[in-house]
């Protein structure tokens, strides 16, 4: 599976909900958008992120924050990763916090901007 399949799935859920996802769908969309970028960035940085080791999220975050280089997709990811990560944590763990349509749109838009910087357009099947 390609990491952009996560984002394509998020887009499918969004479209299937007539762009008005309920809380469960909103959380799934935000989760998928984050993990799409998490795996994309891990691949770009040659990081092994297999397993459930939560420290690997912080390692990827640190490596990305310290990235200085010409890769426009990594530079775009550096701009949006923390916001996507916070949104994913809210979606996955803070059930008392309602996800808004704006939260959903921003997660999709930020993830798309990272792929677009890499010249990749995730397709919705």
PDB file of N, CA and C in Angstrom:
ATOM      1  N   UNK A   1       0.841  -1.180   0.000  1.00  0.00           N
ATOM      2  CA  UNK A   1       0.000   0.000   0.000  1.00  0.00           C
ATOM      3  C   UNK A   1       0.882   1.238   0.000  1.00  0.00           C
ATOM      4  N   UNK A   2       0.548   2.189  -0.822  1.00  0.00           N
ATOM      5  CA  UNK A   2       1.253   3.469  -0.833  1.00  0.00           C
ATOM      6  C   UNK A   2       0.690   4.372   0.253  1.00  0.00           C
ATOM      7  N   UNK A   3       1.558   5.223   0.788  1.00  0.00           N
ATOM      8  CA  UNK A   3       1.107   6.094   1.867  1.00  0.00           C
ATOM      9  C   UNK A   3       0.019   7.055   1.395  1.00  0.00           C
ATOM     10  N   UNK A   4      -0.006   7.404   0.108  1.00  0.00           N
ATOM     11  CA  UNK A   4      -1.054   8.312  -0.352  1.00  0.00           C
ATOM     12  C   UNK A   4      -2.425   7.642  -0.399  1.00  0.00           C
ATOM     13  N   UNK A   5      -2.457   6.303  -0.265  1.00  0.00           N
ATOM     14  CA  UNK A   5      -3.747   5.602  -0.207  1.00  0.00           C
ATOM     15  C   UNK A   5      -4.528   6.025   1.041  1.00  0.00           C
ATOM     16  N   UNK A   6      -3.824   6.348   2.131  1.00  0.00           N
ATOM     17  CA  UNK A   6      -4.490   6.844   3.332  1.00  0.00           C
ATOM     18  C   UNK A   6      -5.259   8.136   3.025  1.00  0.00           C
ATOM     19  N   UNK A   7      -4.594   9.031   2.301  1.00  0.00           N
ATOM     20  CA  UNK A   7      -5.249  10.302   1.987  1.00  0.00           C
ATOM     21  C   UNK A   7      -6.389  10.089   0.994  1.00  0.00           C
ATOM     22  N   UNK A   8      -6.191   9.212   0.032  1.00  0.00           N
ATOM     23  CA  UNK A   8      -7.272   8.911  -0.906  1.00  0.00           C
ATOM     24  C   UNK A   8      -8.479   8.355  -0.156  1.00  0.00           C
ATOM     25  N   UNK A   9      -8.236   7.527   0.848  1.00  0.00           N
ATOM     26  CA  UNK A   9      -9.332   6.992   1.655  1.00  0.00           C
ATOM     27  C   UNK A   9     -10.030   8.111   2.434  1.00  0.00           C
ATOM     28  N   UNK A  10      -9.246   9.025   2.990  1.00  0.00           N
ATOM     29  CA  UNK A  10      -9.834  10.167   3.701  1.00  0.00           C
ATOM     30  C   UNK A  10     -10.728  10.968   2.758  1.00  0.00           C
ATOM     31  N   UNK A  11     -10.273  11.171   1.541  1.00  0.00           N
ATOM     32  CA  UNK A  11     -11.070  11.916   0.568  1.00  0.00           C
ATOM     33  C   UNK A  11     -12.347  11.157   0.198  1.00  0.00           C
ATOM     34  N   UNK A  12     -12.260   9.831   0.073  1.00  0.00           N
ATOM     35  CA  UNK A  12     -13.447   9.019  -0.228  1.00  0.00           C
ATOM     36  C   UNK A  12     -14.498   9.160   0.879  1.00  0.00           C
ATOM     37  N   UNK A  13     -14.039   9.099   2.131  1.00  0.00           N
ATOM     38  CA  UNK A  13     -14.965   9.244   3.261  1.00  0.00           C
ATOM     39  C   UNK A  13     -15.626  10.622   3.231  1.00  0.00           C
ATOM     40  N   UNK A  14     -14.825  11.637   2.955  1.00  0.00           N
ATOM     41  CA  UNK A  14     -15.325  13.013   2.909  1.00  0.00           C
ATOM     42  C   UNK A  14     -16.377  13.173   1.807  1.00  0.00           C
ATOM     43  N   UNK A  15     -16.077  12.653   0.627  1.00  0.00           N
ATOM     44  CA  UNK A  15     -16.998  12.762  -0.505  1.00  0.00           C
ATOM     45  C   UNK A  15     -18.270  11.951  -0.237  1.00  0.00           C
ATOM     46  N   UNK A  16     -18.115  10.746   0.315  1.00  0.00           N
ATOM     47  CA  UNK A  16     -19.272   9.886   0.597  1.00  0.00           C
ATOM     48  C   UNK A  16     -20.223  10.519   1.613  1.00  0.00           C
ATOM     49  N   UNK A  17     -19.683  11.399   2.454  1.00  0.00           N
ATOM     50  CA  UNK A  17     -20.530  12.066   3.463  1.00  0.00           C
ATOM     51  C   UNK A  17     -21.153  13.356   2.931  1.00  0.00           C
ATOM     52  N   UNK A  18     -21.048  13.563   1.612  1.00  0.00           N
ATOM     53  CA  UNK A  18     -21.520  14.813   0.991  1.00  0.00           C
ATOM     54  C   UNK A  18     -20.832  16.022   1.599  1.00  0.00           C
ATOM     55  N   UNK A  19     -19.571  15.823   1.970  1.00  0.00           N
ATOM     56  CA  UNK A  19     -18.725  16.875   2.558  1.00  0.00           C
ATOM     57  C   UNK A  19     -19.288  17.421   3.862  1.00  0.00           C
ATOM     58  N   UNK A  20     -20.070  16.588   4.546  1.00  0.00           N
ATOM     59  CA  UNK A  20     -20.619  16.918   5.860  1.00  0.00           C
ATOM     60  C   UNK A  20     -20.455  15.705   6.777  1.00  0.00           C
ATOM     61  N   UNK A  21     -19.212  15.310   7.056  1.00  0.00           N
ATOM     62  CA  UNK A  21     -19.006  14.091   7.833  1.00  0.00           C
ATOM     63  C   UNK A  21     -19.470  14.236   9.278  1.00  0.00           C
ATOM     64  N   UNK A  22     -19.986  13.123   9.824  1.00  0.00           N
ATOM     65  CA  UNK A  22     -20.336  13.105  11.237  1.00  0.00           C
ATOM     66  C   UNK A  22     -19.041  13.001  12.055  1.00  0.00           C
ATOM     67  N   UNK A  23     -19.160  12.950  13.369  1.00  0.00           N
ATOM     68  CA  UNK A  23     -17.967  12.937  14.225  1.00  0.00           C
ATOM     69  C   UNK A  23     -17.075  11.729  13.953  1.00  0.00           C
ATOM     70  N   UNK A  24     -17.670  10.571  13.785  1.00  0.00           N
ATOM     71  CA  UNK A  24     -16.879   9.367  13.543  1.00  0.00           C
ATOM     72  C   UNK A  24     -16.111   9.492  12.227  1.00  0.00           C
ATOM     73  N   UNK A  25     -16.782   9.911  11.168  1.00  0.00           N
ATOM     74  CA  UNK A  25     -16.126  10.077   9.867  1.00  0.00           C
ATOM     75  C   UNK A  25     -15.081  11.190   9.929  1.00  0.00           C
ATOM     76  N   UNK A  26     -15.383  12.275  10.620  1.00  0.00           N
ATOM     77  CA  UNK A  26     -14.419  13.377  10.745  1.00  0.00           C
ATOM     78  C   UNK A  26     -13.133  12.899  11.399  1.00  0.00           C
ATOM     79  N   UNK A  27     -13.272  12.124  12.440  1.00  0.00           N
ATOM     80  CA  UNK A  27     -12.097  11.597  13.151  1.00  0.00           C
ATOM     81  C   UNK A  27     -11.307  10.640  12.262  1.00  0.00           C
ATOM     82  N   UNK A  28     -12.005   9.819  11.487  1.00  0.00           N
ATOM     83  CA  UNK A  28     -11.331   8.890  10.578  1.00  0.00           C
ATOM     84  C   UNK A  28     -10.585   9.643   9.481  1.00  0.00           C
ATOM     85  N   UNK A  29     -11.163  10.706   8.981  1.00  0.00           N
ATOM     86  CA  UNK A  29     -10.533  11.508   7.932  1.00  0.00           C
ATOM     87  C   UNK A  29      -9.257  12.163   8.453  1.00  0.00           C
ATOM     88  N   UNK A  30      -9.339  12.791   9.606  1.00  0.00           N
ATOM     89  CA  UNK A  30      -8.170  13.461  10.192  1.00  0.00           C
ATOM     90  C   UNK A  30      -7.079  12.439  10.494  1.00  0.00           C
ATOM     91  N   UNK A  31      -7.460  11.302  11.046  1.00  0.00           N
ATOM     92  CA  UNK A  31      -6.516  10.220  11.344  1.00  0.00           C
ATOM     93  C   UNK A  31      -5.798   9.776  10.062  1.00  0.00           C
ATOM     94  N   UNK A  32      -6.570   9.528   9.012  1.00  0.00           N
ATOM     95  CA  UNK A  32      -5.985   9.056   7.760  1.00  0.00           C
ATOM     96  C   UNK A  32      -5.082  10.109   7.116  1.00  0.00           C
ATOM     97  N   UNK A  33      -5.480  11.373   7.172  1.00  0.00           N
ATOM     98  CA  UNK A  33      -4.645  12.436   6.593  1.00  0.00           C
ATOM     99  C   UNK A  33      -3.296  12.506   7.311  1.00  0.00           C
ATOM    100  N   UNK A  34      -3.327  12.420   8.639  1.00  0.00           N
ATOM    101  CA  UNK A  34      -2.075  12.448   9.400  1.00  0.00           C
ATOM    102  C   UNK A  34      -1.188  11.259   9.055  1.00  0.00           C
ATOM    103  N   UNK A  35      -1.750  10.057   9.087  1.00  0.00           N
ATOM    104  CA  UNK A  35      -0.919   8.874   8.853  1.00  0.00           C
ATOM    105  C   UNK A  35      -0.415   8.799   7.422  1.00  0.00           C
ATOM    106  N   UNK A  36      -1.139   9.369   6.506  1.00  0.00           N
ATOM    107  CA  UNK A  36      -0.645   9.461   5.140  1.00  0.00           C
ATOM    108  C   UNK A  36       0.659  10.256   5.109  1.00  0.00           C
ATOM    109  N   UNK A  37       0.666  11.384   5.784  1.00  0.00           N
ATOM    110  CA  UNK A  37       1.860  12.234   5.813  1.00  0.00           C
ATOM    111  C   UNK A  37       2.941  11.630   6.704  1.00  0.00           C
ATOM    112  N   UNK A  38       2.557  11.021   7.804  1.00  0.00           N
ATOM    113  CA  UNK A  38       3.527  10.361   8.680  1.00  0.00           C
ATOM    114  C   UNK A  38       4.347   9.336   7.885  1.00  0.00           C
ATOM    115  N   UNK A  39       3.673   8.471   7.141  1.00  0.00           N
ATOM    116  CA  UNK A  39       4.383   7.442   6.374  1.00  0.00           C
ATOM    117  C   UNK A  39       5.134   8.034   5.185  1.00  0.00           C
ATOM    118  N   UNK A  40       4.586   9.058   4.567  1.00  0.00           N
ATOM    119  CA  UNK A  40       5.267   9.726   3.454  1.00  0.00           C
ATOM    120  C   UNK A  40       6.583  10.333   3.929  1.00  0.00           C
ATOM    121  N   UNK A  41       6.532  11.078   5.019  1.00  0.00           N
ATOM    122  CA  UNK A  41       7.732  11.728   5.554  1.00  0.00           C
ATOM    123  C   UNK A  41       8.733  10.685   6.053  1.00  0.00           C
ATOM    124  N   UNK A  42       8.258   9.652   6.718  1.00  0.00           N
ATOM    125  CA  UNK A  42       9.152   8.593   7.194  1.00  0.00           C
ATOM    126  C   UNK A  42       9.917   7.984   6.026  1.00  0.00           C
ATOM    127  N   UNK A  43       9.225   7.745   4.933  1.00  0.00           N
ATOM    128  CA  UNK A  43       9.888   7.207   3.748  1.00  0.00           C
ATOM    129  C   UNK A  43      10.918   8.160   3.184  1.00  0.00           C
ATOM    130  N   UNK A  44      10.571   9.422   3.108  1.00  0.00           N
ATOM    131  CA  UNK A  44      11.504  10.436   2.589  1.00  0.00           C
ATOM    132  C   UNK A  44      12.751  10.551   3.459  1.00  0.00           C
ATOM    133  N   UNK A  45      12.570  10.389   4.774  1.00  0.00           N
ATOM    134  CA  UNK A  45      13.693  10.513   5.706  1.00  0.00           C
ATOM    135  C   UNK A  45      14.351   9.160   6.007  1.00  0.00           C
ATOM    136  N   UNK A  46      13.901   8.113   5.320  1.00  0.00           N
ATOM    137  CA  UNK A  46      14.430   6.754   5.501  1.00  0.00           C
ATOM    138  C   UNK A  46      14.354   6.294   6.957  1.00  0.00           C
ATOM    139  N   UNK A  47      13.220   6.565   7.590  1.00  0.00           N
ATOM    140  CA  UNK A  47      12.994   6.133   8.967  1.00  0.00           C
ATOM    141  C   UNK A  47      12.130   4.877   8.986  1.00  0.00           C
ATOM    142  N   UNK A  48      12.503   3.926   9.815  1.00  0.00           N
ATOM    143  CA  UNK A  48      11.689   2.731  10.014  1.00  0.00           C
ATOM    144  C   UNK A  48      10.650   3.055  11.077  1.00  0.00           C
ATOM    145  N   UNK A  49       9.391   3.020  10.700  1.00  0.00           N
ATOM    146  CA  UNK A  49       8.322   3.363  11.636  1.00  0.00           C
ATOM    147  C   UNK A  49       7.391   2.179  11.881  1.00  0.00           C
ATOM    148  N   UNK A  50       7.924   0.987  11.730  1.00  0.00           N
ATOM    149  CA  UNK A  50       7.096  -0.187  11.986  1.00  0.00           C
ATOM    150  C   UNK A  50       6.920  -0.381  13.481  1.00  0.00           C
ATOM    151  N   UNK A  51       5.826  -0.981  13.855  1.00  0.00           N
ATOM    152  CA  UNK A  51       5.560  -1.214  15.272  1.00  0.00           C
ATOM    153  C   UNK A  51       4.770  -0.083  15.880  1.00  0.00           C
ATOM    154  N   UNK A  52       4.491  -0.220  17.142  1.00  0.00           N
ATOM    155  CA  UNK A  52       3.636   0.746  17.850  1.00  0.00           C
ATOM    156  C   UNK A  52       4.431   1.624  18.807  1.00  0.00           C
ATOM    157  N   UNK A  53       5.678   1.860  18.531  1.00  0.00           N
ATOM    158  CA  UNK A  53       6.535   2.648  19.419  1.00  0.00           C
ATOM    159  C   UNK A  53       6.211   4.131  19.266  1.00  0.00           C
ATOM    160  N   UNK A  54       5.537   4.694  20.259  1.00  0.00           N
ATOM    161  CA  UNK A  54       5.121   6.100  20.190  1.00  0.00           C
ATOM    162  C   UNK A  54       6.297   7.056  20.041  1.00  0.00           C
ATOM    163  N   UNK A  55       7.473   6.658  20.516  1.00  0.00           N
ATOM    164  CA  UNK A  55       8.649   7.517  20.398  1.00  0.00           C
ATOM    165  C   UNK A  55       9.004   7.771  18.946  1.00  0.00           C
ATOM    166  N   UNK A  56       8.601   6.880  18.064  1.00  0.00           N
ATOM    167  CA  UNK A  56       8.915   7.067  16.655  1.00  0.00           C
ATOM    168  C   UNK A  56       8.194   8.276  16.072  1.00  0.00           C
ATOM    169  N   UNK A  57       7.048   8.609  16.630  1.00  0.00           N
ATOM    170  CA  UNK A  57       6.381   9.832  16.190  1.00  0.00           C
ATOM    171  C   UNK A  57       7.232  11.040  16.571  1.00  0.00           C
ATOM    172  N   UNK A  58       7.751  11.048  17.780  1.00  0.00           N
ATOM    173  CA  UNK A  58       8.578  12.181  18.211  1.00  0.00           C
ATOM    174  C   UNK A  58       9.902  12.208  17.457  1.00  0.00           C
ATOM    175  N   UNK A  59      10.442  11.053  17.125  1.00  0.00           N
ATOM    176  CA  UNK A  59      11.692  11.012  16.357  1.00  0.00           C
ATOM    177  C   UNK A  59      11.471  11.591  14.962  1.00  0.00           C
ATOM    178  N   UNK A  60      10.381  11.201  14.324  1.00  0.00           N
ATOM    179  CA  UNK A  60      10.079  11.747  13.009  1.00  0.00           C
ATOM    180  C   UNK A  60       9.863  13.256  13.093  1.00  0.00           C
ATOM    181  N   UNK A  61       9.129  13.679  14.105  1.00  0.00           N
ATOM    182  CA  UNK A  61       8.874  15.114  14.296  1.00  0.00           C
ATOM    183  C   UNK A  61      10.189  15.877  14.464  1.00  0.00           C
ATOM    184  N   UNK A  62      11.085  15.343  15.284  1.00  0.00           N
ATOM    185  CA  UNK A  62      12.379  15.998  15.506  1.00  0.00           C
ATOM    186  C   UNK A  62      13.204  16.055  14.220  1.00  0.00           C
ATOM    187  N   UNK A  63      13.263  14.939  13.509  1.00  0.00           N
ATOM    188  CA  UNK A  63      14.031  14.901  12.261  1.00  0.00           C
ATOM    189  C   UNK A  63      13.466  15.874  11.232  1.00  0.00           C
ATOM    190  N   UNK A  64      12.159  15.948  11.165  1.00  0.00           N
ATOM    191  CA  UNK A  64      11.529  16.857  10.213  1.00  0.00           C
ATOM    192  C   UNK A  64      11.759  18.309  10.603  1.00  0.00           C
ATOM    193  N   UNK A  65      11.633  18.620  11.887  1.00  0.00           N
ATOM    194  CA  UNK A  65      11.865  19.994  12.337  1.00  0.00           C
ATOM    195  C   UNK A  65      13.301  20.437  12.074  1.00  0.00           C
ATOM    196  N   UNK A  66      14.237  19.492  12.107  1.00  0.00           N
ATOM    197  CA  UNK A  66      15.645  19.817  11.868  1.00  0.00           C
ATOM    198  C   UNK A  66      16.051  19.718  10.400  1.00  0.00           C
ATOM    199  N   UNK A  67      15.122  19.330   9.532  1.00  0.00           N
ATOM    200  CA  UNK A  67      15.449  19.174   8.122  1.00  0.00           C
ATOM    201  C   UNK A  67      15.758  20.522   7.488  1.00  0.00           C
ATOM    202  N   UNK A  68      16.874  20.588   6.810  1.00  0.00           N
ATOM    203  CA  UNK A  68      17.242  21.745   6.005  1.00  0.00           C
ATOM    204  C   UNK A  68      17.725  21.172   4.678  1.00  0.00           C
ATOM    205  N   UNK A  69      17.012  21.455   3.641  1.00  0.00           N
ATOM    206  CA  UNK A  69      17.398  20.902   2.359  1.00  0.00           C
ATOM    207  C   UNK A  69      16.473  21.361   1.259  1.00  0.00           C
ATOM    208  N   UNK A  70      16.732  20.877   0.051  1.00  0.00           N
ATOM    209  CA  UNK A  70      15.996  21.354  -1.119  1.00  0.00           C
ATOM    210  C   UNK A  70      14.671  20.638  -1.391  1.00  0.00           C
ATOM    211  N   UNK A  71      14.357  19.572  -0.655  1.00  0.00           N
ATOM    212  CA  UNK A  71      13.145  18.808  -0.951  1.00  0.00           C
ATOM    213  C   UNK A  71      11.919  19.630  -0.554  1.00  0.00           C
ATOM    214  N   UNK A  72      11.181  20.093  -1.560  1.00  0.00           N
ATOM    215  CA  UNK A  72      10.043  20.982  -1.285  1.00  0.00           C
ATOM    216  C   UNK A  72       8.934  20.277  -0.514  1.00  0.00           C
ATOM    217  N   UNK A  73       8.773  18.977  -0.711  1.00  0.00           N
ATOM    218  CA  UNK A  73       7.723  18.279   0.028  1.00  0.00           C
ATOM    219  C   UNK A  73       8.071  18.171   1.510  1.00  0.00           C
ATOM    220  N   UNK A  74       9.347  17.969   1.839  1.00  0.00           N
ATOM    221  CA  UNK A  74       9.746  17.939   3.247  1.00  0.00           C
ATOM    222  C   UNK A  74       9.646  19.327   3.869  1.00  0.00           C
ATOM    223  N   UNK A  75       9.961  20.341   3.097  1.00  0.00           N
ATOM    224  CA  UNK A  75       9.807  21.708   3.611  1.00  0.00           C
ATOM    225  C   UNK A  75       8.338  22.030   3.853  1.00  0.00           C
ATOM    226  N   UNK A  76       7.463  21.575   2.964  1.00  0.00           N
ATOM    227  CA  UNK A  76       6.023  21.773   3.151  1.00  0.00           C
ATOM    228  C   UNK A  76       5.532  20.962   4.349  1.00  0.00           C
ATOM    229  N   UNK A  77       6.036  19.741   4.486  1.00  0.00           N
ATOM    230  CA  UNK A  77       5.655  18.892   5.625  1.00  0.00           C
ATOM    231  C   UNK A  77       6.095  19.534   6.935  1.00  0.00           C
ATOM    232  N   UNK A  78       7.267  20.136   6.936  1.00  0.00           N
ATOM    233  CA  UNK A  78       7.746  20.800   8.155  1.00  0.00           C
ATOM    234  C   UNK A  78       6.779  21.904   8.577  1.00  0.00           C
ATOM    235  N   UNK A  79       6.175  22.578   7.625  1.00  0.00           N
ATOM    236  CA  UNK A  79       5.220  23.650   7.922  1.00  0.00           C
ATOM    237  C   UNK A  79       3.928  23.122   8.546  1.00  0.00           C
ATOM    238  N   UNK A  80       3.510  21.903   8.161  1.00  0.00           N
ATOM    239  CA  UNK A  80       2.179  21.427   8.541  1.00  0.00           C
ATOM    240  C   UNK A  80       2.154  20.226   9.481  1.00  0.00           C
ATOM    241  N   UNK A  81       3.275  19.564   9.696  1.00  0.00           N
ATOM    242  CA  UNK A  81       3.261  18.305  10.432  1.00  0.00           C
ATOM    243  C   UNK A  81       2.727  18.456  11.853  1.00  0.00           C
ATOM    244  N   UNK A  82       3.195  19.433  12.592  1.00  0.00           N
ATOM    245  CA  UNK A  82       2.752  19.584  13.981  1.00  0.00           C
ATOM    246  C   UNK A  82       1.250  19.824  14.081  1.00  0.00           C
ATOM    247  N   UNK A  83       0.719  20.624  13.191  1.00  0.00           N
ATOM    248  CA  UNK A  83      -0.717  20.889  13.197  1.00  0.00           C
ATOM    249  C   UNK A  83      -1.500  19.621  12.876  1.00  0.00           C
ATOM    250  N   UNK A  84      -1.023  18.862  11.883  1.00  0.00           N
ATOM    251  CA  UNK A  84      -1.677  17.596  11.558  1.00  0.00           C
ATOM    252  C   UNK A  84      -1.592  16.616  12.726  1.00  0.00           C
ATOM    253  N   UNK A  85      -0.434  16.590  13.381  1.00  0.00           N
ATOM    254  CA  UNK A  85      -0.261  15.667  14.504  1.00  0.00           C
ATOM    255  C   UNK A  85      -1.196  16.035  15.651  1.00  0.00           C
ATOM    256  N   UNK A  86      -1.289  17.312  15.962  1.00  0.00           N
ATOM    257  CA  UNK A  86      -2.190  17.751  17.043  1.00  0.00           C
ATOM    258  C   UNK A  86      -3.641  17.415  16.711  1.00  0.00           C
ATOM    259  N   UNK A  87      -4.019  17.634  15.457  1.00  0.00           N
ATOM    260  CA  UNK A  87      -5.386  17.321  15.042  1.00  0.00           C
ATOM    261  C   UNK A  87      -5.652  15.824  15.165  1.00  0.00           C
ATOM    262  N   UNK A  88      -4.676  14.993  14.801  1.00  0.00           N
ATOM    263  CA  UNK A  88      -4.835  13.540  14.899  1.00  0.00           C
ATOM    264  C   UNK A  88      -4.959  13.103  16.354  1.00  0.00           C
ATOM    265  N   UNK A  89      -4.173  13.682  17.232  1.00  0.00           N
ATOM    266  CA  UNK A  89      -4.272  13.352  18.655  1.00  0.00           C
ATOM    267  C   UNK A  89      -5.654  13.746  19.179  1.00  0.00           C
ATOM    268  N   UNK A  90      -6.122  14.923  18.810  1.00  0.00           N
ATOM    269  CA  UNK A  90      -7.471  15.338  19.218  1.00  0.00           C
ATOM    270  C   UNK A  90      -8.518  14.363  18.682  1.00  0.00           C
ATOM    271  N   UNK A  91      -8.395  13.995  17.415  1.00  0.00           N
ATOM    272  CA  UNK A  91      -9.376  13.109  16.786  1.00  0.00           C
ATOM    273  C   UNK A  91      -9.370  11.718  17.408  1.00  0.00           C
ATOM    274  N   UNK A  92      -8.190  11.221  17.725  1.00  0.00           N
ATOM    275  CA  UNK A  92      -8.074   9.848  18.236  1.00  0.00           C
ATOM    276  C   UNK A  92      -8.315   9.727  19.734  1.00  0.00           C
ATOM    277  N   UNK A  93      -7.941  10.731  20.505  1.00  0.00           N
ATOM    278  CA  UNK A  93      -7.942  10.583  21.960  1.00  0.00           C
ATOM    279  C   UNK A  93      -8.837  11.541  22.725  1.00  0.00           C
ATOM    280  N   UNK A  94      -9.180  12.674  22.158  1.00  0.00           N
ATOM    281  CA  UNK A  94      -9.967  13.680  22.879  1.00  0.00           C
ATOM    282  C   UNK A  94     -11.415  13.632  22.389  1.00  0.00           C
ATOM    283  N   UNK A  95     -12.095  12.577  22.809  1.00  0.00           N
ATOM    284  CA  UNK A  95     -13.450  12.345  22.319  1.00  0.00           C
ATOM    285  C   UNK A  95     -14.436  13.412  22.787  1.00  0.00           C
ATOM    286  N   UNK A  96     -14.085  14.114  23.857  1.00  0.00           N
ATOM    287  CA  UNK A  96     -14.961  15.180  24.332  1.00  0.00           C
ATOM    288  C   UNK A  96     -14.881  16.413  23.433  1.00  0.00           C
ATOM    289  N   UNK A  97     -13.853  16.489  22.623  1.00  0.00           N
ATOM    290  CA  UNK A  97     -13.685  17.628  21.717  1.00  0.00           C
ATOM    291  C   UNK A  97     -14.334  17.295  20.380  1.00  0.00           C
ATOM    292  N   UNK A  98     -15.244  18.121  19.960  1.00  0.00           N
ATOM    293  CA  UNK A  98     -15.886  17.914  18.665  1.00  0.00           C
ATOM    294  C   UNK A  98     -14.990  18.346  17.521  1.00  0.00           C
ATOM    295  N   UNK A  99     -14.964  17.536  16.491  1.00  0.00           N
ATOM    296  CA  UNK A  99     -14.224  17.885  15.283  1.00  0.00           C
ATOM    297  C   UNK A  99     -15.161  18.693  14.390  1.00  0.00           C
ATOM    298  N   UNK A 100     -14.660  19.775  13.836  1.00  0.00           N
ATOM    299  CA  UNK A 100     -15.481  20.623  12.978  1.00  0.00           C
ATOM    300  C   UNK A 100     -15.189  20.309  11.511  1.00  0.00           C
ATOM    301  N   UNK A 101     -16.066  20.769  10.657  1.00  0.00           N
ATOM    302  CA  UNK A 101     -15.836  20.608   9.219  1.00  0.00           C
ATOM    303  C   UNK A 101     -14.553  21.334   8.813  1.00  0.00           C
ATOM    304  N   UNK A 102     -14.257  22.434   9.486  1.00  0.00           N
ATOM    305  CA  UNK A 102     -13.018  23.158   9.204  1.00  0.00           C
ATOM    306  C   UNK A 102     -11.799  22.304   9.572  1.00  0.00           C
ATOM    307  N   UNK A 103     -11.855  21.585  10.695  1.00  0.00           N
ATOM    308  CA  UNK A 103     -10.765  20.691  11.081  1.00  0.00           C
ATOM    309  C   UNK A 103     -10.517  19.656   9.987  1.00  0.00           C
ATOM    310  N   UNK A 104     -11.601  19.114   9.461  1.00  0.00           N
ATOM    311  CA  UNK A 104     -11.513  18.093   8.420  1.00  0.00           C
ATOM    312  C   UNK A 104     -10.909  18.670   7.142  1.00  0.00           C
ATOM    313  N   UNK A 105     -11.440  19.792   6.696  1.00  0.00           N
ATOM    314  CA  UNK A 105     -10.940  20.426   5.461  1.00  0.00           C
ATOM    315  C   UNK A 105      -9.468  20.788   5.581  1.00  0.00           C
ATOM    316  N   UNK A 106      -9.083  21.348   6.715  1.00  0.00           N
ATOM    317  CA  UNK A 106      -7.679  21.735   6.890  1.00  0.00           C
ATOM    318  C   UNK A 106      -6.750  20.517   6.876  1.00  0.00           C
ATOM    319  N   UNK A 107      -7.170  19.416   7.495  1.00  0.00           N
ATOM    320  CA  UNK A 107      -6.334  18.212   7.486  1.00  0.00           C
ATOM    321  C   UNK A 107      -6.123  17.725   6.061  1.00  0.00           C
ATOM    322  N   UNK A 108      -7.196  17.672   5.286  1.00  0.00           N
ATOM    323  CA  UNK A 108      -7.081  17.231   3.892  1.00  0.00           C
ATOM    324  C   UNK A 108      -6.231  18.208   3.086  1.00  0.00           C
ATOM    325  N   UNK A 109      -6.490  19.499   3.225  1.00  0.00           N
ATOM    326  CA  UNK A 109      -5.752  20.510   2.458  1.00  0.00           C
ATOM    327  C   UNK A 109      -4.258  20.502   2.789  1.00  0.00           C
ATOM    328  N   UNK A 110      -3.920  20.376   4.064  1.00  0.00           N
ATOM    329  CA  UNK A 110      -2.509  20.361   4.448  1.00  0.00           C
ATOM    330  C   UNK A 110      -1.808  19.129   3.911  1.00  0.00           C
ATOM    331  N   UNK A 111      -2.457  17.984   4.025  1.00  0.00           N
ATOM    332  CA  UNK A 111      -1.857  16.766   3.485  1.00  0.00           C
ATOM    333  C   UNK A 111      -1.705  16.866   1.966  1.00  0.00           C
ATOM    334  N   UNK A 112      -2.726  17.353   1.284  1.00  0.00           N
ATOM    335  CA  UNK A 112      -2.635  17.517  -0.168  1.00  0.00           C
ATOM    336  C   UNK A 112      -1.500  18.443  -0.570  1.00  0.00           C
ATOM    337  N   UNK A 113      -1.304  19.513   0.186  1.00  0.00           N
ATOM    338  CA  UNK A 113      -0.243  20.466  -0.169  1.00  0.00           C
ATOM    339  C   UNK A 113       1.137  19.819  -0.100  1.00  0.00           C
ATOM    340  N   UNK A 114       1.316  18.879   0.811  1.00  0.00           N
ATOM    341  CA  UNK A 114       2.596  18.176   0.936  1.00  0.00           C
ATOM    342  C   UNK A 114       2.810  17.269  -0.262  1.00  0.00           C
ATOM    343  N   UNK A 115       1.778  16.532  -0.644  1.00  0.00           N
ATOM    344  CA  UNK A 115       1.882  15.682  -1.833  1.00  0.00           C
ATOM    345  C   UNK A 115       2.084  16.520  -3.091  1.00  0.00           C
ATOM    346  N   UNK A 116       1.364  17.627  -3.198  1.00  0.00           N
ATOM    347  CA  UNK A 116       1.510  18.481  -4.372  1.00  0.00           C
ATOM    348  C   UNK A 116       2.928  19.024  -4.489  1.00  0.00           C
ATOM    349  N   UNK A 117       3.553  19.325  -3.350  1.00  0.00           N
ATOM    350  CA  UNK A 117       4.947  19.787  -3.373  1.00  0.00           C
ATOM    351  C   UNK A 117       5.876  18.692  -3.892  1.00  0.00           C
ATOM    352  N   UNK A 118       5.460  17.440  -3.764  1.00  0.00           N
ATOM    353  CA  UNK A 118       6.253  16.308  -4.264  1.00  0.00           C
ATOM    354  C   UNK A 118       5.853  15.927  -5.687  1.00  0.00           C
ATOM    355  N   UNK A 119       4.854  16.615  -6.243  1.00  0.00           N
ATOM    356  CA  UNK A 119       4.385  16.292  -7.581  1.00  0.00           C
ATOM    357  C   UNK A 119       3.493  15.063  -7.622  1.00  0.00           C
ATOM    358  N   UNK A 120       2.855  14.743  -6.491  1.00  0.00           N
ATOM    359  CA  UNK A 120       1.991  13.571  -6.381  1.00  0.00           C
ATOM    360  C   UNK A 120       0.553  14.036  -6.178  1.00  0.00           C
ATOM    361  N   UNK A 121      -0.378  13.439  -6.911  1.00  0.00           N
ATOM    362  CA  UNK A 121      -1.790  13.711  -6.706  1.00  0.00           C
ATOM    363  C   UNK A 121      -2.469  12.422  -6.295  1.00  0.00           C
ATOM    364  N   UNK A 122      -2.799  12.293  -5.011  1.00  0.00           N
ATOM    365  CA  UNK A 122      -3.524  11.085  -4.588  1.00  0.00           C
ATOM    366  C   UNK A 122      -4.853  10.978  -5.331  1.00  0.00           C
ATOM    367  N   UNK A 123      -5.140   9.811  -5.844  1.00  0.00           N
ATOM    368  CA  UNK A 123      -6.360   9.623  -6.608  1.00  0.00           C
ATOM    369  C   UNK A 123      -7.424   8.972  -5.745  1.00  0.00           C
ATOM    370  N   UNK A 124      -8.631   9.422  -5.932  1.00  0.00           N
ATOM    371  CA  UNK A 124      -9.774   8.852  -5.210  1.00  0.00           C
ATOM    372  C   UNK A 124     -10.441   7.881  -6.172  1.00  0.00           C
ATOM    373  N   UNK A 125     -10.420   6.608  -5.816  1.00  0.00           N
ATOM    374  CA  UNK A 125     -11.005   5.582  -6.703  1.00  0.00           C
ATOM    375  C   UNK A 125     -12.487   5.471  -6.484  1.00  0.00           C
TER     376      UNK A 125
END
